[in-house]
Amino acid sequence: MFTVRPAKDRGRTRAGWLDSRHSFSFADYHDPRQMGVSSLRVINEDRVDPGAGFPPHGHRNMEIVSIVLDGAMQHRDSSGGGAVLRPGEVQLMHAGTGVSHSEFNASDSEPLHFLQIWILPTAPGGQPGYAQRAYFEAGEQSAIRRILDPDGRDGALPIRQDACAWQARLQAGERLDLPLEPHRQGWLQLARGTLANGDLQLKAGDGLHIRCQAYPSVRAINDAEFVFFDLV
């Protein structure tokens, strides 16, 4: 079973320097039909003006993932994490018992475009922590990388939940079987391009919820980039 979450139906927050689209209920946007999928609770697509960003604020009991699509993001947090995140890199912060962090556009002239993702941990608490890894080389356009995994398989960032995620880039015409077992459910978030799934066509910003379908496949109509989640 496939259910499309159209980009145009997402919630939206505009704050001058920020344009944020919410796939699921977040902050002042609330839709009881869109509360997340399994442990996946937030997918925000954020665009931040040059030099602007989110000042220090606190979180706890959440796995927070950032994926930069364009530009560069300066991250700092109270666990000791601090780095610039660029396209091809993924950042995972364990909020645990409590952490304060900030994200700013690292450029004074170029906009920042990134995804922020929240996943509930298996259990509350735990030591806050931070990790960042590169998964794509500059200009790499055709690959799939495991970026989140509870056991850190294939170089993935170890997440505190029974969930996995892959980031994929496909060139036009390429087809990919998604790594989903029949007893699991998946979510695909398309960041760029156009994908086909059977008779369905996904455009940038669309989400696709997948249930009771082993190893579903997608085909890139034009160059595409997406994140795919394997969830209980």
C-alpha atoms as a PDB file:
ATOM      1  CA  MET A   1       0.000   0.000   0.000  1.00  0.00           C
ATOM      2  CA  PHE A   2       1.334   3.401  -1.015  1.00  0.00           C
ATOM      3  CA  THR A   3       0.135   6.783   0.294  1.00  0.00           C
ATOM      4  CA  VAL A   4       1.487  10.038  -1.115  1.00  0.00           C
ATOM      5  CA  ARG A   5       1.949  13.097   1.099  1.00  0.00           C
ATOM      6  CA  PRO A   6       1.976  15.926  -1.488  1.00  0.00           C
ATOM      7  CA  ALA A   7       4.470  18.722  -0.950  1.00  0.00           C
ATOM      8  CA  LYS A   8       1.747  21.319  -1.437  1.00  0.00           C
ATOM      9  CA  ASP A   9      -0.240  19.961   1.528  1.00  0.00           C
ATOM     10  CA  ARG A  10       2.585  20.340   4.046  1.00  0.00           C
ATOM     11  CA  GLY A  11       2.431  22.827   6.888  1.00  0.00           C
ATOM     12  CA  ARG A  12       4.451  26.015   6.569  1.00  0.00           C
ATOM     13  CA  THR A  13       6.246  28.419   8.892  1.00  0.00           C
ATOM     14  CA  ARG A  14       7.581  31.716   7.579  1.00  0.00           C
ATOM     15  CA  ALA A  15       9.615  33.956   9.889  1.00  0.00           C
ATOM     16  CA  GLY A  16      11.337  36.459   7.611  1.00  0.00           C
ATOM     17  CA  TRP A  17      14.699  34.679   7.554  1.00  0.00           C
ATOM     18  CA  LEU A  18      13.126  31.189   7.581  1.00  0.00           C
ATOM     19  CA  ASP A  19      10.851  29.315   5.184  1.00  0.00           C
ATOM     20  CA  SER A  20      10.045  25.875   6.653  1.00  0.00           C
ATOM     21  CA  ARG A  21       7.781  23.149   5.261  1.00  0.00           C
ATOM     22  CA  HIS A  22       6.509  20.478   7.660  1.00  0.00           C
ATOM     23  CA  SER A  23       5.643  16.974   6.441  1.00  0.00           C
ATOM     24  CA  PHE A  24       4.204  16.179   9.896  1.00  0.00           C
ATOM     25  CA  SER A  25       2.669  18.233  12.700  1.00  0.00           C
ATOM     26  CA  PHE A  26       5.245  20.612  14.142  1.00  0.00           C
ATOM     27  CA  ALA A  27       5.199  23.742  16.331  1.00  0.00           C
ATOM     28  CA  ASP A  28       2.087  25.803  15.446  1.00  0.00           C
ATOM     29  CA  TYR A  29       1.139  23.491  12.571  1.00  0.00           C
ATOM     30  CA  HIS A  30      -1.082  20.657  13.793  1.00  0.00           C
ATOM     31  CA  ASP A  31      -2.907  18.064  11.706  1.00  0.00           C
ATOM     32  CA  PRO A  32      -4.146  15.000  13.654  1.00  0.00           C
ATOM     33  CA  ARG A  33      -3.851  12.973  10.416  1.00  0.00           C
ATOM     34  CA  GLN A  34      -0.150  13.844  10.100  1.00  0.00           C
ATOM     35  CA  MET A  35       1.544  12.966  13.389  1.00  0.00           C
ATOM     36  CA  GLY A  36       4.439  11.005  11.897  1.00  0.00           C
ATOM     37  CA  VAL A  37       5.060   7.367  11.007  1.00  0.00           C
ATOM     38  CA  SER A  38       6.173   4.971  13.746  1.00  0.00           C
ATOM     39  CA  SER A  39       9.170   6.611  15.481  1.00  0.00           C
ATOM     40  CA  LEU A  40       9.628   9.168  12.662  1.00  0.00           C
ATOM     41  CA  ARG A  41       8.005  12.349  13.996  1.00  0.00           C
ATOM     42  CA  VAL A  42       9.431  15.354  12.138  1.00  0.00           C
ATOM     43  CA  ILE A  43      10.637  16.061   8.610  1.00  0.00           C
ATOM     44  CA  ASN A  44      11.153  19.774   8.086  1.00  0.00           C
ATOM     45  CA  GLU A  45      12.516  21.211   4.851  1.00  0.00           C
ATOM     46  CA  ASP A  46      14.117  24.499   5.864  1.00  0.00           C
ATOM     47  CA  ARG A  47      15.456  27.404   3.848  1.00  0.00           C
ATOM     48  CA  VAL A  48      17.476  29.924   5.848  1.00  0.00           C
ATOM     49  CA  ASP A  49      18.655  33.348   4.710  1.00  0.00           C
ATOM     50  CA  PRO A  50      22.392  34.153   4.677  1.00  0.00           C
ATOM     51  CA  GLY A  51      23.810  34.792   8.149  1.00  0.00           C
ATOM     52  CA  ALA A  52      20.561  33.838   9.905  1.00  0.00           C
ATOM     53  CA  GLY A  53      19.558  30.778  11.880  1.00  0.00           C
ATOM     54  CA  PHE A  54      18.162  29.148  14.978  1.00  0.00           C
ATOM     55  CA  PRO A  55      19.610  30.533  18.248  1.00  0.00           C
ATOM     56  CA  PRO A  56      20.426  28.147  21.125  1.00  0.00           C
ATOM     57  CA  HIS A  57      17.400  26.136  22.232  1.00  0.00           C
ATOM     58  CA  GLY A  58      16.867  22.905  24.113  1.00  0.00           C
ATOM     59  CA  HIS A  59      15.679  19.371  23.323  1.00  0.00           C
ATOM     60  CA  ARG A  60      15.566  16.054  25.122  1.00  0.00           C
ATOM     61  CA  ASN A  61      14.628  12.455  24.327  1.00  0.00           C
ATOM     62  CA  MET A  62      14.966  12.813  20.563  1.00  0.00           C
ATOM     63  CA  GLU A  63      17.329  11.710  17.800  1.00  0.00           C
ATOM     64  CA  ILE A  64      17.856  14.786  15.602  1.00  0.00           C
ATOM     65  CA  VAL A  65      19.239  14.393  12.079  1.00  0.00           C
ATOM     66  CA  SER A  66      20.316  17.180   9.708  1.00  0.00           C
ATOM     67  CA  ILE A  67      21.028  16.761   5.991  1.00  0.00           C
ATOM     68  CA  VAL A  68      22.217  19.798   4.007  1.00  0.00           C
ATOM     69  CA  LEU A  69      21.014  19.997   0.406  1.00  0.00           C
ATOM     70  CA  ASP A  70      22.540  23.375  -0.550  1.00  0.00           C
ATOM     71  CA  GLY A  71      24.821  25.754   1.287  1.00  0.00           C
ATOM     72  CA  ALA A  72      26.531  25.191   4.636  1.00  0.00           C
ATOM     73  CA  MET A  73      25.189  24.931   8.190  1.00  0.00           C
ATOM     74  CA  GLN A  74      27.098  25.871  11.329  1.00  0.00           C
ATOM     75  CA  HIS A  75      26.142  23.595  14.251  1.00  0.00           C
ATOM     76  CA  ARG A  76      27.006  24.052  17.923  1.00  0.00           C
ATOM     77  CA  ASP A  77      25.664  22.162  20.938  1.00  0.00           C
ATOM     78  CA  SER A  78      26.210  21.754  24.661  1.00  0.00           C
ATOM     79  CA  SER A  79      27.473  18.162  24.285  1.00  0.00           C
ATOM     80  CA  GLY A  80      30.621  19.508  22.666  1.00  0.00           C
ATOM     81  CA  GLY A  81      29.513  19.107  19.062  1.00  0.00           C
ATOM     82  CA  GLY A  82      30.394  21.872  16.668  1.00  0.00           C
ATOM     83  CA  ALA A  83      31.081  21.777  12.941  1.00  0.00           C
ATOM     84  CA  VAL A  84      30.041  23.065   9.537  1.00  0.00           C
ATOM     85  CA  LEU A  85      27.769  20.645   7.678  1.00  0.00           C
ATOM     86  CA  ARG A  86      27.853  20.650   3.871  1.00  0.00           C
ATOM     87  CA  PRO A  87      26.057  18.698   1.098  1.00  0.00           C
ATOM     88  CA  GLY A  88      27.028  15.033   1.196  1.00  0.00           C
ATOM     89  CA  GLU A  89      27.349  15.020   4.995  1.00  0.00           C
ATOM     90  CA  VAL A  90      24.871  13.882   7.658  1.00  0.00           C
ATOM     91  CA  GLN A  91      24.697  14.989  11.290  1.00  0.00           C
ATOM     92  CA  LEU A  92      23.093  13.044  14.163  1.00  0.00           C
ATOM     93  CA  MET A  93      22.557  14.536  17.608  1.00  0.00           C
ATOM     94  CA  HIS A  94      21.357  12.427  20.548  1.00  0.00           C
ATOM     95  CA  ALA A  95      19.380  14.855  22.704  1.00  0.00           C
ATOM     96  CA  GLY A  96      19.202  12.287  25.521  1.00  0.00           C
ATOM     97  CA  THR A  97      18.680  13.801  28.981  1.00  0.00           C
ATOM     98  CA  GLY A  98      18.899  17.283  27.508  1.00  0.00           C
ATOM     99  CA  VAL A  99      20.997  19.323  25.106  1.00  0.00           C
ATOM    100  CA  SER A 100      21.072  22.910  23.868  1.00  0.00           C
ATOM    101  CA  HIS A 101      22.020  23.547  20.254  1.00  0.00           C
ATOM    102  CA  SER A 102      21.991  26.143  17.493  1.00  0.00           C
ATOM    103  CA  GLU A 103      22.050  25.996  13.689  1.00  0.00           C
ATOM    104  CA  PHE A 104      23.026  28.955  11.528  1.00  0.00           C
ATOM    105  CA  ASN A 105      23.644  29.555   7.865  1.00  0.00           C
ATOM    106  CA  ALA A 106      27.442  29.523   7.718  1.00  0.00           C
ATOM    107  CA  SER A 107      27.443  31.897   4.728  1.00  0.00           C
ATOM    108  CA  ASP A 108      26.792  35.644   4.690  1.00  0.00           C
ATOM    109  CA  SER A 109      25.881  35.562   1.006  1.00  0.00           C
ATOM    110  CA  GLU A 110      24.397  32.162   0.057  1.00  0.00           C
ATOM    111  CA  PRO A 111      21.078  30.633   1.236  1.00  0.00           C
ATOM    112  CA  LEU A 112      20.963  27.397   3.249  1.00  0.00           C
ATOM    113  CA  HIS A 113      18.607  24.539   2.315  1.00  0.00           C
ATOM    114  CA  PHE A 114      18.450  21.496   4.573  1.00  0.00           C
ATOM    115  CA  LEU A 115      16.280  18.746   6.036  1.00  0.00           C
ATOM    116  CA  GLN A 116      15.866  18.363   9.780  1.00  0.00           C
ATOM    117  CA  ILE A 117      14.479  15.027  10.951  1.00  0.00           C
ATOM    118  CA  TRP A 118      13.387  13.931  14.432  1.00  0.00           C
ATOM    119  CA  ILE A 119      13.119  10.282  15.466  1.00  0.00           C
ATOM    120  CA  LEU A 120      11.974   9.109  18.887  1.00  0.00           C
ATOM    121  CA  PRO A 121      14.564   6.946  20.673  1.00  0.00           C
ATOM    122  CA  THR A 122      13.692   3.477  21.917  1.00  0.00           C
ATOM    123  CA  ALA A 123      13.967   4.667  25.536  1.00  0.00           C
ATOM    124  CA  PRO A 124      14.159   8.153  27.096  1.00  0.00           C
ATOM    125  CA  GLY A 125      17.316   9.505  28.671  1.00  0.00           C
ATOM    126  CA  GLY A 126      20.884   8.606  27.880  1.00  0.00           C
ATOM    127  CA  GLN A 127      24.012  10.669  27.425  1.00  0.00           C
ATOM    128  CA  PRO A 128      23.697  13.483  24.867  1.00  0.00           C
ATOM    129  CA  GLY A 129      26.031  13.120  21.917  1.00  0.00           C
ATOM    130  CA  TYR A 130      26.900  14.287  18.428  1.00  0.00           C
ATOM    131  CA  ALA A 131      28.343  12.725  15.279  1.00  0.00           C
ATOM    132  CA  GLN A 132      28.833  13.820  11.678  1.00  0.00           C
ATOM    133  CA  ARG A 133      29.987  11.863   8.636  1.00  0.00           C
ATOM    134  CA  ALA A 134      30.422  12.398   4.906  1.00  0.00           C
ATOM    135  CA  TYR A 135      28.595   9.963   2.618  1.00  0.00           C
ATOM    136  CA  PHE A 136      28.881  11.496  -0.853  1.00  0.00           C
ATOM    137  CA  GLU A 137      31.852  12.902  -2.700  1.00  0.00           C
ATOM    138  CA  ALA A 138      31.562  16.212  -4.495  1.00  0.00           C
ATOM    139  CA  GLY A 139      29.662  15.744  -7.735  1.00  0.00           C
ATOM    140  CA  GLU A 140      28.627  12.133  -7.024  1.00  0.00           C
ATOM    141  CA  GLN A 141      25.215  11.678  -8.658  1.00  0.00           C
ATOM    142  CA  SER A 142      24.423   7.968  -8.563  1.00  0.00           C
ATOM    143  CA  ALA A 143      24.653   6.120  -5.245  1.00  0.00           C
ATOM    144  CA  ILE A 144      22.714   4.962  -2.200  1.00  0.00           C
ATOM    145  CA  ARG A 145      24.263   5.155   1.273  1.00  0.00           C
ATOM    146  CA  ARG A 146      23.042   3.787   4.594  1.00  0.00           C
ATOM    147  CA  ILE A 147      23.190   6.837   6.883  1.00  0.00           C
ATOM    148  CA  LEU A 148      21.346   5.666  10.046  1.00  0.00           C
ATOM    149  CA  ASP A 149      21.373   2.227  11.650  1.00  0.00           C
ATOM    150  CA  PRO A 150      20.967   0.975  15.249  1.00  0.00           C
ATOM    151  CA  ASP A 151      24.154  -1.103  14.888  1.00  0.00           C
ATOM    152  CA  GLY A 152      26.120   1.361  12.772  1.00  0.00           C
ATOM    153  CA  ARG A 153      26.279  -1.045   9.807  1.00  0.00           C
ATOM    154  CA  ASP A 154      28.010   0.020   6.592  1.00  0.00           C
ATOM    155  CA  GLY A 155      29.417   3.115   8.260  1.00  0.00           C
ATOM    156  CA  ALA A 156      26.005   4.490   9.227  1.00  0.00           C
ATOM    157  CA  LEU A 157      25.555   6.784  12.207  1.00  0.00           C
ATOM    158  CA  PRO A 158      24.316   4.649  15.149  1.00  0.00           C
ATOM    159  CA  ILE A 159      20.782   5.688  16.068  1.00  0.00           C
ATOM    160  CA  ARG A 160      19.043   4.779  19.332  1.00  0.00           C
ATOM    161  CA  GLN A 161      15.989   3.261  17.649  1.00  0.00           C
ATOM    162  CA  ASP A 162      14.954   0.243  15.547  1.00  0.00           C
ATOM    163  CA  ALA A 163      15.105   2.347  12.394  1.00  0.00           C
ATOM    164  CA  CYS A 164      17.387   2.668   9.396  1.00  0.00           C
ATOM    165  CA  ALA A 165      17.749   5.370   6.773  1.00  0.00           C
ATOM    166  CA  TRP A 166      19.413   5.663   3.394  1.00  0.00           C
ATOM    167  CA  GLN A 167      20.233   8.722   1.327  1.00  0.00           C
ATOM    168  CA  ALA A 168      20.098   8.149  -2.416  1.00  0.00           C
ATOM    169  CA  ARG A 169      20.987  10.031  -5.574  1.00  0.00           C
ATOM    170  CA  LEU A 170      19.738   8.682  -8.899  1.00  0.00           C
ATOM    171  CA  GLN A 171      20.305   9.870 -12.431  1.00  0.00           C
ATOM    172  CA  ALA A 172      17.452  10.087 -14.912  1.00  0.00           C
ATOM    173  CA  GLY A 173      16.310   6.637 -15.993  1.00  0.00           C
ATOM    174  CA  GLU A 174      17.906   4.736 -13.097  1.00  0.00           C
ATOM    175  CA  ARG A 175      15.780   2.293 -11.088  1.00  0.00           C
ATOM    176  CA  LEU A 176      16.280   1.269  -7.466  1.00  0.00           C
ATOM    177  CA  ASP A 177      14.740  -1.433  -5.283  1.00  0.00           C
ATOM    178  CA  LEU A 178      14.236   0.042  -1.822  1.00  0.00           C
ATOM    179  CA  PRO A 179      15.558  -2.040   1.111  1.00  0.00           C
ATOM    180  CA  LEU A 180      12.268  -2.738   2.908  1.00  0.00           C
ATOM    181  CA  GLU A 181      11.214  -6.054   4.447  1.00  0.00           C
ATOM    182  CA  PRO A 182       7.521  -7.096   4.141  1.00  0.00           C
ATOM    183  CA  HIS A 183       6.833  -6.752   7.883  1.00  0.00           C
ATOM    184  CA  ARG A 184       8.222  -3.191   8.045  1.00  0.00           C
ATOM    185  CA  GLN A 185       6.950   0.172   6.824  1.00  0.00           C
ATOM    186  CA  GLY A 186       8.847   2.824   4.934  1.00  0.00           C
ATOM    187  CA  TRP A 187       8.814   6.539   4.293  1.00  0.00           C
ATOM    188  CA  LEU A 188      10.466   8.159   1.276  1.00  0.00           C
ATOM    189  CA  GLN A 189      11.100  11.915   1.332  1.00  0.00           C
ATOM    190  CA  LEU A 190      11.967  13.309  -2.071  1.00  0.00           C
ATOM    191  CA  ALA A 191      14.293  16.303  -1.850  1.00  0.00           C
ATOM    192  CA  ARG A 192      14.966  16.940  -5.550  1.00  0.00           C
ATOM    193  CA  GLY A 193      13.821  15.772  -8.945  1.00  0.00           C
ATOM    194  CA  THR A 194      10.993  13.448  -9.934  1.00  0.00           C
ATOM    195  CA  LEU A 195      10.473   9.759  -9.147  1.00  0.00           C
ATOM    196  CA  ALA A 196       8.015   7.169 -10.418  1.00  0.00           C
ATOM    197  CA  ASN A 197       6.639   4.371  -8.259  1.00  0.00           C
ATOM    198  CA  GLY A 198       4.444   2.307 -10.545  1.00  0.00           C
ATOM    199  CA  ASP A 199       1.680   4.656 -11.648  1.00  0.00           C
ATOM    200  CA  LEU A 200       2.543   7.191  -8.943  1.00  0.00           C
ATOM    201  CA  GLN A 201       4.745  10.165  -9.710  1.00  0.00           C
ATOM    202  CA  LEU A 202       6.544  11.997  -6.906  1.00  0.00           C
ATOM    203  CA  LYS A 203       7.798  15.563  -7.138  1.00  0.00           C
ATOM    204  CA  ALA A 204      10.307  17.390  -4.962  1.00  0.00           C
ATOM    205  CA  GLY A 205       8.946  17.776  -1.432  1.00  0.00           C
ATOM    206  CA  ASP A 206       6.534  14.843  -1.705  1.00  0.00           C
ATOM    207  CA  GLY A 207       6.587  12.017   0.829  1.00  0.00           C
ATOM    208  CA  LEU A 208       5.576   8.394   0.236  1.00  0.00           C
ATOM    209  CA  HIS A 209       4.368   6.085   3.019  1.00  0.00           C
ATOM    210  CA  ILE A 210       4.876   2.410   2.139  1.00  0.00           C
ATOM    211  CA  ARG A 211       3.146  -0.478   3.941  1.00  0.00           C
ATOM    212  CA  CYS A 212       2.917  -4.234   3.271  1.00  0.00           C
ATOM    213  CA  GLN A 213       5.155  -4.062   0.215  1.00  0.00           C
ATOM    214  CA  ALA A 214       8.484  -5.883   0.115  1.00  0.00           C
ATOM    215  CA  TYR A 215      11.342  -4.196  -1.763  1.00  0.00           C
ATOM    216  CA  PRO A 216       9.316  -1.530  -3.579  1.00  0.00           C
ATOM    217  CA  SER A 217      11.078   0.103  -6.498  1.00  0.00           C
ATOM    218  CA  VAL A 218      11.389   3.651  -7.778  1.00  0.00           C
ATOM    219  CA  ARG A 219      12.616   5.061 -11.068  1.00  0.00           C
ATOM    220  CA  ALA A 220      14.133   8.499 -11.582  1.00  0.00           C
ATOM    221  CA  ILE A 221      12.302  10.469 -14.253  1.00  0.00           C
ATOM    222  CA  ASN A 222      14.995  13.124 -13.933  1.00  0.00           C
ATOM    223  CA  ASP A 223      17.955  13.410 -11.582  1.00  0.00           C
ATOM    224  CA  ALA A 224      16.655  12.848  -8.057  1.00  0.00           C
ATOM    225  CA  GLU A 225      17.795  12.875  -4.431  1.00  0.00           C
ATOM    226  CA  PHE A 226      15.835  11.395  -1.535  1.00  0.00           C
ATOM    227  CA  VAL A 227      15.959   9.920   1.954  1.00  0.00           C
ATOM    228  CA  PHE A 228      14.334   6.553   2.648  1.00  0.00           C
ATOM    229  CA  PHE A 229      13.409   5.304   6.145  1.00  0.00           C
ATOM    230  CA  ASP A 230      12.893   1.684   7.234  1.00  0.00           C
ATOM    231  CA  LEU A 231      10.629   1.655  10.305  1.00  0.00           C
ATOM    232  CA  VAL A 232       8.772  -0.829  12.500  1.00  0.00           C
END
